[in-house]
PDB file of N, CA and C in Angstrom:
ATOM      1  N   MET A   1     -17.715  24.218  -5.912  1.00  0.00           N
ATOM      2  CA  MET A   1     -16.540  23.492  -5.460  1.00  0.00           C
ATOM      3  C   MET A   1     -15.417  23.665  -6.474  1.00  0.00           C
ATOM      4  N   GLU A   2     -14.272  24.045  -5.992  1.00  0.00           N
ATOM      5  CA  GLU A   2     -13.115  24.264  -6.843  1.00  0.00           C
ATOM      6  C   GLU A   2     -12.253  23.002  -6.882  1.00  0.00           C
ATOM      7  N   THR A   3     -11.821  22.617  -8.063  1.00  0.00           N
ATOM      8  CA  THR A   3     -10.959  21.440  -8.172  1.00  0.00           C
ATOM      9  C   THR A   3      -9.508  21.889  -8.302  1.00  0.00           C
ATOM     10  N   THR A   4      -8.626  21.060  -7.851  1.00  0.00           N
ATOM     11  CA  THR A   4      -7.199  21.318  -7.978  1.00  0.00           C
ATOM     12  C   THR A   4      -6.630  20.362  -9.018  1.00  0.00           C
ATOM     13  N   TYR A   5      -5.382  20.539  -9.322  1.00  0.00           N
ATOM     14  CA  TYR A   5      -4.711  19.652 -10.266  1.00  0.00           C
ATOM     15  C   TYR A   5      -4.801  18.203  -9.808  1.00  0.00           C
ATOM     16  N   TYR A   6      -4.728  17.987  -8.516  1.00  0.00           N
ATOM     17  CA  TYR A   6      -4.692  16.631  -7.984  1.00  0.00           C
ATOM     18  C   TYR A   6      -6.016  15.899  -8.111  1.00  0.00           C
ATOM     19  N   ASP A   7      -7.143  16.623  -8.109  1.00  0.00           N
ATOM     20  CA  ASP A   7      -8.436  15.946  -8.202  1.00  0.00           C
ATOM     21  C   ASP A   7      -9.164  16.254  -9.501  1.00  0.00           C
ATOM     22  N   HIS A   8      -8.463  16.815 -10.469  1.00  0.00           N
ATOM     23  CA  HIS A   8      -9.062  17.129 -11.765  1.00  0.00           C
ATOM     24  C   HIS A   8      -9.082  15.886 -12.656  1.00  0.00           C
ATOM     25  N   GLY A   9     -10.167  15.710 -13.387  1.00  0.00           N
ATOM     26  CA  GLY A   9     -10.258  14.645 -14.376  1.00  0.00           C
ATOM     27  C   GLY A   9     -11.041  13.442 -13.896  1.00  0.00           C
ATOM     28  N   SER A  10     -11.195  12.509 -14.812  1.00  0.00           N
ATOM     29  CA  SER A  10     -11.925  11.273 -14.520  1.00  0.00           C
ATOM     30  C   SER A  10     -11.094  10.393 -13.596  1.00  0.00           C
ATOM     31  N   PRO A  11     -11.720   9.391 -12.973  1.00  0.00           N
ATOM     32  CA  PRO A  11     -10.941   8.466 -12.149  1.00  0.00           C
ATOM     33  C   PRO A  11      -9.784   7.822 -12.920  1.00  0.00           C
ATOM     34  N   ALA A  12     -10.016   7.462 -14.176  1.00  0.00           N
ATOM     35  CA  ALA A  12      -8.948   6.842 -14.972  1.00  0.00           C
ATOM     36  C   ALA A  12      -7.797   7.815 -15.201  1.00  0.00           C
ATOM     37  N   GLU A  13      -8.120   9.087 -15.458  1.00  0.00           N
ATOM     38  CA  GLU A  13      -7.069  10.089 -15.655  1.00  0.00           C
ATOM     39  C   GLU A  13      -6.285  10.331 -14.367  1.00  0.00           C
ATOM     40  N   ARG A  14      -6.986  10.361 -13.243  1.00  0.00           N
ATOM     41  CA  ARG A  14      -6.307  10.558 -11.961  1.00  0.00           C
ATOM     42  C   ARG A  14      -5.435   9.358 -11.607  1.00  0.00           C
ATOM     43  N   TRP A  15      -5.912   8.151 -11.936  1.00  0.00           N
ATOM     44  CA  TRP A  15      -5.123   6.938 -11.713  1.00  0.00           C
ATOM     45  C   TRP A  15      -3.807   7.019 -12.489  1.00  0.00           C
ATOM     46  N   GLU A  16      -3.905   7.409 -13.764  1.00  0.00           N
ATOM     47  CA  GLU A  16      -2.702   7.554 -14.586  1.00  0.00           C
ATOM     48  C   GLU A  16      -1.781   8.630 -14.024  1.00  0.00           C
ATOM     49  N   ARG A  17      -2.354   9.759 -13.590  1.00  0.00           N
ATOM     50  CA  ARG A  17      -1.558  10.846 -13.022  1.00  0.00           C
ATOM     51  C   ARG A  17      -0.845  10.372 -11.752  1.00  0.00           C
ATOM     52  N   ALA A  18      -1.557   9.638 -10.920  1.00  0.00           N
ATOM     53  CA  ALA A  18      -0.957   9.120  -9.682  1.00  0.00           C
ATOM     54  C   ALA A  18       0.207   8.193  -9.996  1.00  0.00           C
ATOM     55  N   GLN A  19       0.035   7.350 -10.998  1.00  0.00           N
ATOM     56  CA  GLN A  19       1.115   6.441 -11.374  1.00  0.00           C
ATOM     57  C   GLN A  19       2.326   7.206 -11.906  1.00  0.00           C
ATOM     58  N   LEU A  20       2.086   8.288 -12.650  1.00  0.00           N
ATOM     59  CA  LEU A  20       3.187   9.116 -13.145  1.00  0.00           C
ATOM     60  C   LEU A  20       3.945   9.751 -11.980  1.00  0.00           C
ATOM     61  N   PHE A  21       3.211  10.305 -11.009  1.00  0.00           N
ATOM     62  CA  PHE A  21       3.856  10.871  -9.823  1.00  0.00           C
ATOM     63  C   PHE A  21       4.671   9.797  -9.101  1.00  0.00           C
ATOM     64  N   PHE A  22       4.076   8.627  -8.925  1.00  0.00           N
ATOM     65  CA  PHE A  22       4.752   7.547  -8.207  1.00  0.00           C
ATOM     66  C   PHE A  22       6.028   7.135  -8.945  1.00  0.00           C
ATOM     67  N   ASP A  23       5.914   6.940 -10.260  1.00  0.00           N
ATOM     68  CA  ASP A  23       7.074   6.536 -11.055  1.00  0.00           C
ATOM     69  C   ASP A  23       8.182   7.590 -11.036  1.00  0.00           C
ATOM     70  N   ALA A  24       7.798   8.859 -10.874  1.00  0.00           N
ATOM     71  CA  ALA A  24       8.765   9.949 -10.792  1.00  0.00           C
ATOM     72  C   ALA A  24       9.288  10.126  -9.361  1.00  0.00           C
ATOM     73  N   ARG A  25       8.871   9.254  -8.477  1.00  0.00           N
ATOM     74  CA  ARG A  25       9.254   9.275  -7.056  1.00  0.00           C
ATOM     75  C   ARG A  25       8.750  10.513  -6.317  1.00  0.00           C
ATOM     76  N   ASP A  26       7.658  11.076  -6.834  1.00  0.00           N
ATOM     77  CA  ASP A  26       6.973  12.160  -6.118  1.00  0.00           C
ATOM     78  C   ASP A  26       5.848  11.487  -5.337  1.00  0.00           C
ATOM     79  N   TYR A  27       6.234  10.848  -4.243  1.00  0.00           N
ATOM     80  CA  TYR A  27       5.287  10.043  -3.482  1.00  0.00           C
ATOM     81  C   TYR A  27       4.222  10.890  -2.793  1.00  0.00           C
ATOM     82  N   ALA A  28       4.588  12.082  -2.355  1.00  0.00           N
ATOM     83  CA  ALA A  28       3.608  12.965  -1.727  1.00  0.00           C
ATOM     84  C   ALA A  28       2.570  13.415  -2.757  1.00  0.00           C
ATOM     85  N   GLY A  29       3.011  13.733  -3.973  1.00  0.00           N
ATOM     86  CA  GLY A  29       2.079  14.100  -5.047  1.00  0.00           C
ATOM     87  C   GLY A  29       1.166  12.951  -5.410  1.00  0.00           C
ATOM     88  N   ALA A  30       1.731  11.759  -5.509  1.00  0.00           N
ATOM     89  CA  ALA A  30       0.925  10.573  -5.803  1.00  0.00           C
ATOM     90  C   ALA A  30      -0.124  10.363  -4.720  1.00  0.00           C
ATOM     91  N   ALA A  31       0.278  10.540  -3.462  1.00  0.00           N
ATOM     92  CA  ALA A  31      -0.658  10.352  -2.347  1.00  0.00           C
ATOM     93  C   ALA A  31      -1.793  11.361  -2.410  1.00  0.00           C
ATOM     94  N   GLN A  32      -1.500  12.603  -2.814  1.00  0.00           N
ATOM     95  CA  GLN A  32      -2.563  13.608  -2.915  1.00  0.00           C
ATOM     96  C   GLN A  32      -3.605  13.197  -3.941  1.00  0.00           C
ATOM     97  N   VAL A  33      -3.165  12.705  -5.080  1.00  0.00           N
ATOM     98  CA  VAL A  33      -4.095  12.266  -6.121  1.00  0.00           C
ATOM     99  C   VAL A  33      -4.861  11.036  -5.644  1.00  0.00           C
ATOM    100  N   LEU A  34      -4.139  10.083  -5.081  1.00  0.00           N
ATOM    101  CA  LEU A  34      -4.744   8.804  -4.698  1.00  0.00           C
ATOM    102  C   LEU A  34      -5.712   8.916  -3.532  1.00  0.00           C
ATOM    103  N   ALA A  35      -5.475   9.823  -2.598  1.00  0.00           N
ATOM    104  CA  ALA A  35      -6.376   9.957  -1.450  1.00  0.00           C
ATOM    105  C   ALA A  35      -7.801  10.267  -1.910  1.00  0.00           C
ATOM    106  N   GLY A  36      -7.935  11.186  -2.849  1.00  0.00           N
ATOM    107  CA  GLY A  36      -9.257  11.499  -3.386  1.00  0.00           C
ATOM    108  C   GLY A  36      -9.844  10.352  -4.180  1.00  0.00           C
ATOM    109  N   LEU A  37      -9.002   9.683  -4.935  1.00  0.00           N
ATOM    110  CA  LEU A  37      -9.458   8.550  -5.743  1.00  0.00           C
ATOM    111  C   LEU A  37      -9.948   7.409  -4.861  1.00  0.00           C
ATOM    112  N   VAL A  38      -9.230   7.136  -3.782  1.00  0.00           N
ATOM    113  CA  VAL A  38      -9.625   6.067  -2.853  1.00  0.00           C
ATOM    114  C   VAL A  38     -10.958   6.403  -2.184  1.00  0.00           C
ATOM    115  N   GLU A  39     -11.168   7.678  -1.869  1.00  0.00           N
ATOM    116  CA  GLU A  39     -12.464   8.081  -1.308  1.00  0.00           C
ATOM    117  C   GLU A  39     -13.593   7.807  -2.288  1.00  0.00           C
ATOM    118  N   GLU A  40     -13.312   8.037  -3.565  1.00  0.00           N
ATOM    119  CA  GLU A  40     -14.326   7.871  -4.605  1.00  0.00           C
ATOM    120  C   GLU A  40     -14.603   6.401  -4.927  1.00  0.00           C
ATOM    121  N   VAL A  41     -13.571   5.570  -4.895  1.00  0.00           N
ATOM    122  CA  VAL A  41     -13.719   4.144  -5.222  1.00  0.00           C
ATOM    123  C   VAL A  41     -13.089   3.305  -4.111  1.00  0.00           C
ATOM    124  N   PRO A  42     -13.668   3.340  -2.907  1.00  0.00           N
ATOM    125  CA  PRO A  42     -13.036   2.661  -1.766  1.00  0.00           C
ATOM    126  C   PRO A  42     -12.970   1.147  -1.897  1.00  0.00           C
ATOM    127  N   GLU A  43     -13.774   0.572  -2.761  1.00  0.00           N
ATOM    128  CA  GLU A  43     -13.797  -0.882  -2.907  1.00  0.00           C
ATOM    129  C   GLU A  43     -12.657  -1.415  -3.768  1.00  0.00           C
ATOM    130  N   GLN A  44     -11.958  -0.545  -4.492  1.00  0.00           N
ATOM    131  CA  GLN A  44     -10.890  -0.988  -5.386  1.00  0.00           C
ATOM    132  C   GLN A  44      -9.564  -1.094  -4.641  1.00  0.00           C
ATOM    133  N   THR A  45      -8.926  -2.223  -4.781  1.00  0.00           N
ATOM    134  CA  THR A  45      -7.666  -2.485  -4.083  1.00  0.00           C
ATOM    135  C   THR A  45      -6.488  -1.740  -4.711  1.00  0.00           C
ATOM    136  N   GLY A  46      -6.434  -1.657  -6.020  1.00  0.00           N
ATOM    137  CA  GLY A  46      -5.280  -1.054  -6.701  1.00  0.00           C
ATOM    138  C   GLY A  46      -4.942   0.346  -6.235  1.00  0.00           C
ATOM    139  N   PRO A  47      -5.896   1.277  -6.277  1.00  0.00           N
ATOM    140  CA  PRO A  47      -5.585   2.633  -5.811  1.00  0.00           C
ATOM    141  C   PRO A  47      -5.204   2.681  -4.332  1.00  0.00           C
ATOM    142  N   ARG A  48      -5.864   1.891  -3.500  1.00  0.00           N
ATOM    143  CA  ARG A  48      -5.565   1.902  -2.066  1.00  0.00           C
ATOM    144  C   ARG A  48      -4.160   1.336  -1.811  1.00  0.00           C
ATOM    145  N   LEU A  49      -3.773   0.305  -2.541  1.00  0.00           N
ATOM    146  CA  LEU A  49      -2.444  -0.275  -2.372  1.00  0.00           C
ATOM    147  C   LEU A  49      -1.365   0.704  -2.837  1.00  0.00           C
ATOM    148  N   LEU A  50      -1.602   1.383  -3.951  1.00  0.00           N
ATOM    149  CA  LEU A  50      -0.625   2.370  -4.410  1.00  0.00           C
ATOM    150  C   LEU A  50      -0.560   3.547  -3.438  1.00  0.00           C
ATOM    151  N   LEU A  51      -1.695   3.925  -2.856  1.00  0.00           N
ATOM    152  CA  LEU A  51      -1.706   4.976  -1.834  1.00  0.00           C
ATOM    153  C   LEU A  51      -0.861   4.551  -0.639  1.00  0.00           C
ATOM    154  N   ALA A  52      -1.032   3.317  -0.194  1.00  0.00           N
ATOM    155  CA  ALA A  52      -0.238   2.810   0.933  1.00  0.00           C
ATOM    156  C   ALA A  52       1.250   2.828   0.594  1.00  0.00           C
ATOM    157  N   ARG A  53       1.589   2.451  -0.619  1.00  0.00           N
ATOM    158  CA  ARG A  53       2.994   2.465  -1.042  1.00  0.00           C
ATOM    159  C   ARG A  53       3.534   3.890  -1.085  1.00  0.00           C
ATOM    160  N   ALA A  54       2.717   4.836  -1.558  1.00  0.00           N
ATOM    161  CA  ALA A  54       3.140   6.243  -1.592  1.00  0.00           C
ATOM    162  C   ALA A  54       3.363   6.757  -0.175  1.00  0.00           C
ATOM    163  N   TYR A  55       2.464   6.406   0.732  1.00  0.00           N
ATOM    164  CA  TYR A  55       2.646   6.796   2.134  1.00  0.00           C
ATOM    165  C   TYR A  55       3.919   6.170   2.705  1.00  0.00           C
ATOM    166  N   TYR A  56       4.135   4.913   2.415  1.00  0.00           N
ATOM    167  CA  TYR A  56       5.329   4.205   2.914  1.00  0.00           C
ATOM    168  C   TYR A  56       6.605   4.915   2.446  1.00  0.00           C
ATOM    169  N   HIS A  57       6.670   5.201   1.153  1.00  0.00           N
ATOM    170  CA  HIS A  57       7.876   5.808   0.586  1.00  0.00           C
ATOM    171  C   HIS A  57       8.062   7.258   0.996  1.00  0.00           C
ATOM    172  N   SER A  58       6.988   7.911   1.435  1.00  0.00           N
ATOM    173  CA  SER A  58       7.124   9.292   1.911  1.00  0.00           C
ATOM    174  C   SER A  58       7.158   9.344   3.438  1.00  0.00           C
ATOM    175  N   ALA A  59       7.418   8.187   4.057  1.00  0.00           N
ATOM    176  CA  ALA A  59       7.585   8.049   5.512  1.00  0.00           C
ATOM    177  C   ALA A  59       6.343   8.449   6.302  1.00  0.00           C
ATOM    178  N   GLN A  60       5.179   8.283   5.708  1.00  0.00           N
ATOM    179  CA  GLN A  60       3.916   8.480   6.419  1.00  0.00           C
ATOM    180  C   GLN A  60       3.436   7.092   6.857  1.00  0.00           C
ATOM    181  N   LEU A  61       4.173   6.507   7.778  1.00  0.00           N
ATOM    182  CA  LEU A  61       4.012   5.090   8.097  1.00  0.00           C
ATOM    183  C   LEU A  61       2.679   4.762   8.762  1.00  0.00           C
ATOM    184  N   HIS A  62       2.159   5.634   9.595  1.00  0.00           N
ATOM    185  CA  HIS A  62       0.876   5.354  10.231  1.00  0.00           C
ATOM    186  C   HIS A  62      -0.251   5.348   9.191  1.00  0.00           C
ATOM    187  N   ARG A  63      -0.171   6.251   8.235  1.00  0.00           N
ATOM    188  CA  ARG A  63      -1.166   6.269   7.158  1.00  0.00           C
ATOM    189  C   ARG A  63      -1.035   5.022   6.290  1.00  0.00           C
ATOM    190  N   ALA A  64       0.188   4.630   5.981  1.00  0.00           N
ATOM    191  CA  ALA A  64       0.416   3.415   5.194  1.00  0.00           C
ATOM    192  C   ALA A  64      -0.165   2.209   5.915  1.00  0.00           C
ATOM    193  N   GLU A  65       0.113   2.119   7.205  1.00  0.00           N
ATOM    194  CA  GLU A  65      -0.397   0.993   8.001  1.00  0.00           C
ATOM    195  C   GLU A  65      -1.924   0.946   7.968  1.00  0.00           C
ATOM    196  N   LYS A  66      -2.562   2.091   8.117  1.00  0.00           N
ATOM    197  CA  LYS A  66      -4.034   2.145   8.108  1.00  0.00           C
ATOM    198  C   LYS A  66      -4.596   1.597   6.785  1.00  0.00           C
ATOM    199  N   GLU A  67      -4.034   2.040   5.673  1.00  0.00           N
ATOM    200  CA  GLU A  67      -4.517   1.593   4.366  1.00  0.00           C
ATOM    201  C   GLU A  67      -4.256   0.102   4.164  1.00  0.00           C
ATOM    202  N   LEU A  68      -3.077  -0.353   4.558  1.00  0.00           N
ATOM    203  CA  LEU A  68      -2.728  -1.768   4.394  1.00  0.00           C
ATOM    204  C   LEU A  68      -3.605  -2.662   5.263  1.00  0.00           C
ATOM    205  N   ARG A  69      -3.909  -2.229   6.465  1.00  0.00           N
ATOM    206  CA  ARG A  69      -4.794  -3.026   7.331  1.00  0.00           C
ATOM    207  C   ARG A  69      -6.195  -3.138   6.733  1.00  0.00           C
ATOM    208  N   LEU A  70      -6.676  -2.076   6.097  1.00  0.00           N
ATOM    209  CA  LEU A  70      -7.986  -2.142   5.432  1.00  0.00           C
ATOM    210  C   LEU A  70      -7.968  -3.172   4.300  1.00  0.00           C
ATOM    211  N   ILE A  71      -6.890  -3.175   3.531  1.00  0.00           N
ATOM    212  CA  ILE A  71      -6.781  -4.132   2.427  1.00  0.00           C
ATOM    213  C   ILE A  71      -6.756  -5.558   2.968  1.00  0.00           C
ATOM    214  N   VAL A  72      -5.923  -5.811   3.964  1.00  0.00           N
ATOM    215  CA  VAL A  72      -5.773  -7.153   4.532  1.00  0.00           C
ATOM    216  C   VAL A  72      -7.066  -7.609   5.203  1.00  0.00           C
ATOM    217  N   GLU A  73      -7.780  -6.677   5.805  1.00  0.00           N
ATOM    218  CA  GLU A  73      -9.061  -7.018   6.431  1.00  0.00           C
ATOM    219  C   GLU A  73     -10.064  -7.487   5.380  1.00  0.00           C
ATOM    220  N   ARG A  74     -10.080  -6.818   4.240  1.00  0.00           N
ATOM    221  CA  ARG A  74     -10.998  -7.187   3.152  1.00  0.00           C
ATOM    222  C   ARG A  74     -10.555  -8.436   2.404  1.00  0.00           C
ATOM    223  N   ASP A  75      -9.238  -8.577   2.247  1.00  0.00           N
ATOM    224  CA  ASP A  75      -8.684  -9.677   1.458  1.00  0.00           C
ATOM    225  C   ASP A  75      -7.467 -10.249   2.175  1.00  0.00           C
ATOM    226  N   PRO A  76      -7.694 -11.163   3.118  1.00  0.00           N
ATOM    227  CA  PRO A  76      -6.602 -11.682   3.949  1.00  0.00           C
ATOM    228  C   PRO A  76      -5.479 -12.371   3.172  1.00  0.00           C
ATOM    229  N   VAL A  77      -5.725 -12.766   1.928  1.00  0.00           N
ATOM    230  CA  VAL A  77      -4.689 -13.442   1.145  1.00  0.00           C
ATOM    231  C   VAL A  77      -4.024 -12.508   0.131  1.00  0.00           C
ATOM    232  N   GLU A  78      -4.206 -11.206   0.288  1.00  0.00           N
ATOM    233  CA  GLU A  78      -3.531 -10.231  -0.577  1.00  0.00           C
ATOM    234  C   GLU A  78      -2.054 -10.195  -0.177  1.00  0.00           C
ATOM    235  N   HIS A  79      -1.250 -10.945  -0.909  1.00  0.00           N
ATOM    236  CA  HIS A  79       0.165 -11.168  -0.595  1.00  0.00           C
ATOM    237  C   HIS A  79       0.958  -9.880  -0.456  1.00  0.00           C
ATOM    238  N   TYR A  80       0.865  -9.003  -1.439  1.00  0.00           N
ATOM    239  CA  TYR A  80       1.706  -7.806  -1.423  1.00  0.00           C
ATOM    240  C   TYR A  80       1.322  -6.861  -0.283  1.00  0.00           C
ATOM    241  N   ALA A  81       0.028  -6.762   0.021  1.00  0.00           N
ATOM    242  CA  ALA A  81      -0.401  -5.921   1.145  1.00  0.00           C
ATOM    243  C   ALA A  81       0.168  -6.464   2.454  1.00  0.00           C
ATOM    244  N   ARG A  82       0.182  -7.786   2.602  1.00  0.00           N
ATOM    245  CA  ARG A  82       0.775  -8.399   3.806  1.00  0.00           C
ATOM    246  C   ARG A  82       2.257  -8.073   3.909  1.00  0.00           C
ATOM    247  N   LEU A  83       2.961  -8.209   2.791  1.00  0.00           N
ATOM    248  CA  LEU A  83       4.381  -7.914   2.768  1.00  0.00           C
ATOM    249  C   LEU A  83       4.634  -6.452   3.134  1.00  0.00           C
ATOM    250  N   MET A  84       3.894  -5.544   2.520  1.00  0.00           N
ATOM    251  CA  MET A  84       4.058  -4.118   2.798  1.00  0.00           C
ATOM    252  C   MET A  84       3.693  -3.783   4.245  1.00  0.00           C
ATOM    253  N   LEU A  85       2.661  -4.435   4.773  1.00  0.00           N
ATOM    254  CA  LEU A  85       2.282  -4.201   6.167  1.00  0.00           C
ATOM    255  C   LEU A  85       3.426  -4.637   7.087  1.00  0.00           C
ATOM    256  N   GLY A  86       4.008  -5.790   6.808  1.00  0.00           N
ATOM    257  CA  GLY A  86       5.140  -6.249   7.604  1.00  0.00           C
ATOM    258  C   GLY A  86       6.309  -5.283   7.546  1.00  0.00           C
ATOM    259  N   ARG A  87       6.626  -4.797   6.372  1.00  0.00           N
ATOM    260  CA  ARG A  87       7.738  -3.854   6.232  1.00  0.00           C
ATOM    261  C   ARG A  87       7.430  -2.515   6.893  1.00  0.00           C
ATOM    262  N   THR A  88       6.180  -2.092   6.801  1.00  0.00           N
ATOM    263  CA  THR A  88       5.768  -0.842   7.449  1.00  0.00           C
ATOM    264  C   THR A  88       5.917  -0.955   8.955  1.00  0.00           C
ATOM    265  N   LEU A  89       5.503  -2.085   9.508  1.00  0.00           N
ATOM    266  CA  LEU A  89       5.640  -2.303  10.948  1.00  0.00           C
ATOM    267  C   LEU A  89       7.110  -2.388  11.352  1.00  0.00           C
ATOM    268  N   GLN A  90       7.943  -2.994  10.517  1.00  0.00           N
ATOM    269  CA  GLN A  90       9.381  -3.054  10.793  1.00  0.00           C
ATOM    270  C   GLN A  90       9.981  -1.650  10.889  1.00  0.00           C
ATOM    271  N   ARG A  91       9.593  -0.781   9.958  1.00  0.00           N
ATOM    272  CA  ARG A  91      10.124   0.586   9.960  1.00  0.00           C
ATOM    273  C   ARG A  91       9.680   1.365  11.195  1.00  0.00           C
ATOM    274  N   GLN A  92       8.626   0.886  11.852  1.00  0.00           N
ATOM    275  CA  GLN A  92       8.156   1.515  13.080  1.00  0.00           C
ATOM    276  C   GLN A  92       8.723   0.793  14.308  1.00  0.00           C
ATOM    277  N   ALA A  93       9.687  -0.104  14.082  1.00  0.00           N
ATOM    278  CA  ALA A  93      10.336  -0.892  15.141  1.00  0.00           C
ATOM    279  C   ALA A  93       9.344  -1.770  15.892  1.00  0.00           C
ATOM    280  N   ARG A  94       8.341  -2.260  15.181  1.00  0.00           N
ATOM    281  CA  ARG A  94       7.347  -3.169  15.754  1.00  0.00           C
ATOM    282  C   ARG A  94       7.607  -4.556  15.158  1.00  0.00           C
ATOM    283  N   HIS A  95       8.799  -5.078  15.438  1.00  0.00           N
ATOM    284  CA  HIS A  95       9.314  -6.269  14.772  1.00  0.00           C
ATOM    285  C   HIS A  95       8.503  -7.529  15.049  1.00  0.00           C
ATOM    286  N   GLU A  96       8.068  -7.700  16.258  1.00  0.00           N
ATOM    287  CA  GLU A  96       7.294  -8.898  16.595  1.00  0.00           C
ATOM    288  C   GLU A  96       5.984  -8.943  15.800  1.00  0.00           C
ATOM    289  N   GLU A  97       5.308  -7.816  15.751  1.00  0.00           N
ATOM    290  CA  GLU A  97       4.054  -7.719  15.001  1.00  0.00           C
ATOM    291  C   GLU A  97       4.317  -7.871  13.501  1.00  0.00           C
ATOM    292  N   ALA A  98       5.420  -7.321  13.029  1.00  0.00           N
ATOM    293  CA  ALA A  98       5.768  -7.393  11.611  1.00  0.00           C
ATOM    294  C   ALA A  98       6.018  -8.830  11.180  1.00  0.00           C
ATOM    295  N   GLU A  99       6.685  -9.595  12.042  1.00  0.00           N
ATOM    296  CA  GLU A  99       7.068 -10.963  11.700  1.00  0.00           C
ATOM    297  C   GLU A  99       5.869 -11.816  11.295  1.00  0.00           C
ATOM    298  N   ARG A 100       4.771 -11.657  11.987  1.00  0.00           N
ATOM    299  CA  ARG A 100       3.561 -12.427  11.677  1.00  0.00           C
ATOM    300  C   ARG A 100       3.109 -12.167  10.235  1.00  0.00           C
ATOM    301  N   HIS A 101       3.069 -10.909   9.850  1.00  0.00           N
ATOM    302  CA  HIS A 101       2.609 -10.561   8.504  1.00  0.00           C
ATOM    303  C   HIS A 101       3.620 -10.984   7.448  1.00  0.00           C
ATOM    304  N   LEU A 102       4.899 -10.894   7.757  1.00  0.00           N
ATOM    305  CA  LEU A 102       5.917 -11.320   6.808  1.00  0.00           C
ATOM    306  C   LEU A 102       5.892 -12.833   6.595  1.00  0.00           C
ATOM    307  N   ARG A 103       5.639 -13.593   7.670  1.00  0.00           N
ATOM    308  CA  ARG A 103       5.515 -15.061   7.529  1.00  0.00           C
ATOM    309  C   ARG A 103       4.310 -15.413   6.659  1.00  0.00           C
ATOM    310  N   ILE A 104       3.188 -14.750   6.885  1.00  0.00           N
ATOM    311  CA  ILE A 104       1.985 -15.018   6.085  1.00  0.00           C
ATOM    312  C   ILE A 104       2.250 -14.655   4.628  1.00  0.00           C
ATOM    313  N   ALA A 105       2.896 -13.515   4.390  1.00  0.00           N
ATOM    314  CA  ALA A 105       3.210 -13.100   3.011  1.00  0.00           C
ATOM    315  C   ALA A 105       4.094 -14.131   2.322  1.00  0.00           C
ATOM    316  N   SER A 106       5.086 -14.652   3.042  1.00  0.00           N
ATOM    317  CA  SER A 106       5.962 -15.686   2.467  1.00  0.00           C
ATOM    318  C   SER A 106       5.193 -16.943   2.132  1.00  0.00           C
ATOM    319  N   ALA A 107       4.324 -17.348   3.031  1.00  0.00           N
ATOM    320  CA  ALA A 107       3.521 -18.549   2.787  1.00  0.00           C
ATOM    321  C   ALA A 107       2.603 -18.352   1.584  1.00  0.00           C
ATOM    322  N   LEU A 108       1.987 -17.188   1.480  1.00  0.00           N
ATOM    323  CA  LEU A 108       1.101 -16.910   0.357  1.00  0.00           C
ATOM    324  C   LEU A 108       1.856 -16.888  -0.971  1.00  0.00           C
ATOM    325  N   ALA A 109       3.132 -16.481  -0.910  1.00  0.00           N
ATOM    326  CA  ALA A 109       3.962 -16.447  -2.117  1.00  0.00           C
ATOM    327  C   ALA A 109       4.566 -17.811  -2.427  1.00  0.00           C
ATOM    328  N   GLY A 110       4.404 -18.770  -1.505  1.00  0.00           N
ATOM    329  CA  GLY A 110       4.974 -20.098  -1.720  1.00  0.00           C
ATOM    330  C   GLY A 110       6.429 -20.193  -1.328  1.00  0.00           C
ATOM    331  N   ASP A 111       6.908 -19.239  -0.550  1.00  0.00           N
ATOM    332  CA  ASP A 111       8.299 -19.236  -0.087  1.00  0.00           C
ATOM    333  C   ASP A 111       8.385 -19.967   1.249  1.00  0.00           C
ATOM    334  N   PHE A 112       8.681 -21.240   1.172  1.00  0.00           N
ATOM    335  CA  PHE A 112       8.795 -22.041   2.400  1.00  0.00           C
ATOM    336  C   PHE A 112      10.269 -22.364   2.621  1.00  0.00           C
ATOM    337  N   PRO A 113      10.716 -22.329   3.865  1.00  0.00           N
ATOM    338  CA  PRO A 113      12.123 -22.656   4.137  1.00  0.00           C
ATOM    339  C   PRO A 113      12.417 -24.105   3.756  1.00  0.00           C
ATOM    340  N   GLU A 114      13.631 -24.300   3.272  1.00  0.00           N
ATOM    341  CA  GLU A 114      14.069 -25.644   2.911  1.00  0.00           C
ATOM    342  C   GLU A 114      14.255 -26.457   4.199  1.00  0.00           C
ATOM    343  N   PRO A 115      13.875 -27.740   4.177  1.00  0.00           N
ATOM    344  CA  PRO A 115      14.111 -28.566   5.362  1.00  0.00           C
ATOM    345  C   PRO A 115      15.607 -28.728   5.603  1.00  0.00           C
ATOM    346  N   ALA A 116      15.985 -28.821   6.842  1.00  0.00           N
ATOM    347  CA  ALA A 116      17.393 -28.985   7.206  1.00  0.00           C
ATOM    348  C   ALA A 116      17.928 -30.313   6.685  1.00  0.00           C
ATOM    349  N   GLN A 117      19.168 -30.303   6.204  1.00  0.00           N
ATOM    350  CA  GLN A 117      19.823 -31.531   5.734  1.00  0.00           C
ATOM    351  C   GLN A 117      20.262 -32.355   6.942  1.00  0.00           C
ATOM    352  N   ARG A 118      20.103 -33.627   6.859  1.00  0.00           N
ATOM    353  CA  ARG A 118      20.545 -34.515   7.954  1.00  0.00           C
ATOM    354  C   ARG A 118      21.799 -35.223   7.572  1.00  0.00           C
TER     355      ARG A 118
END
């Protein structure tokens, strides 16, 4: 089996490489590194969430949605995944579905609307 630059090194080295790609706004490169890492450590939320963010920023919205739904299914109170899922659905013009996730994300973050003044 031949390794490429994207899957070379230990999981920790690939995690660092993915973060460097992401920070450099090379979201497609980050996604290439992270896809293999997520396969190797599917139980870890961090790599999967960064993969979803890389997909989101590179306009791979269906892939982002898939990863975010897996995170939310495993951890329904994962605030940032809920927020990202809502935004991903918004970008797909699925506003009604997005609203539910955005409301939950706000509640989890403690962002409640102020009561109306009388």
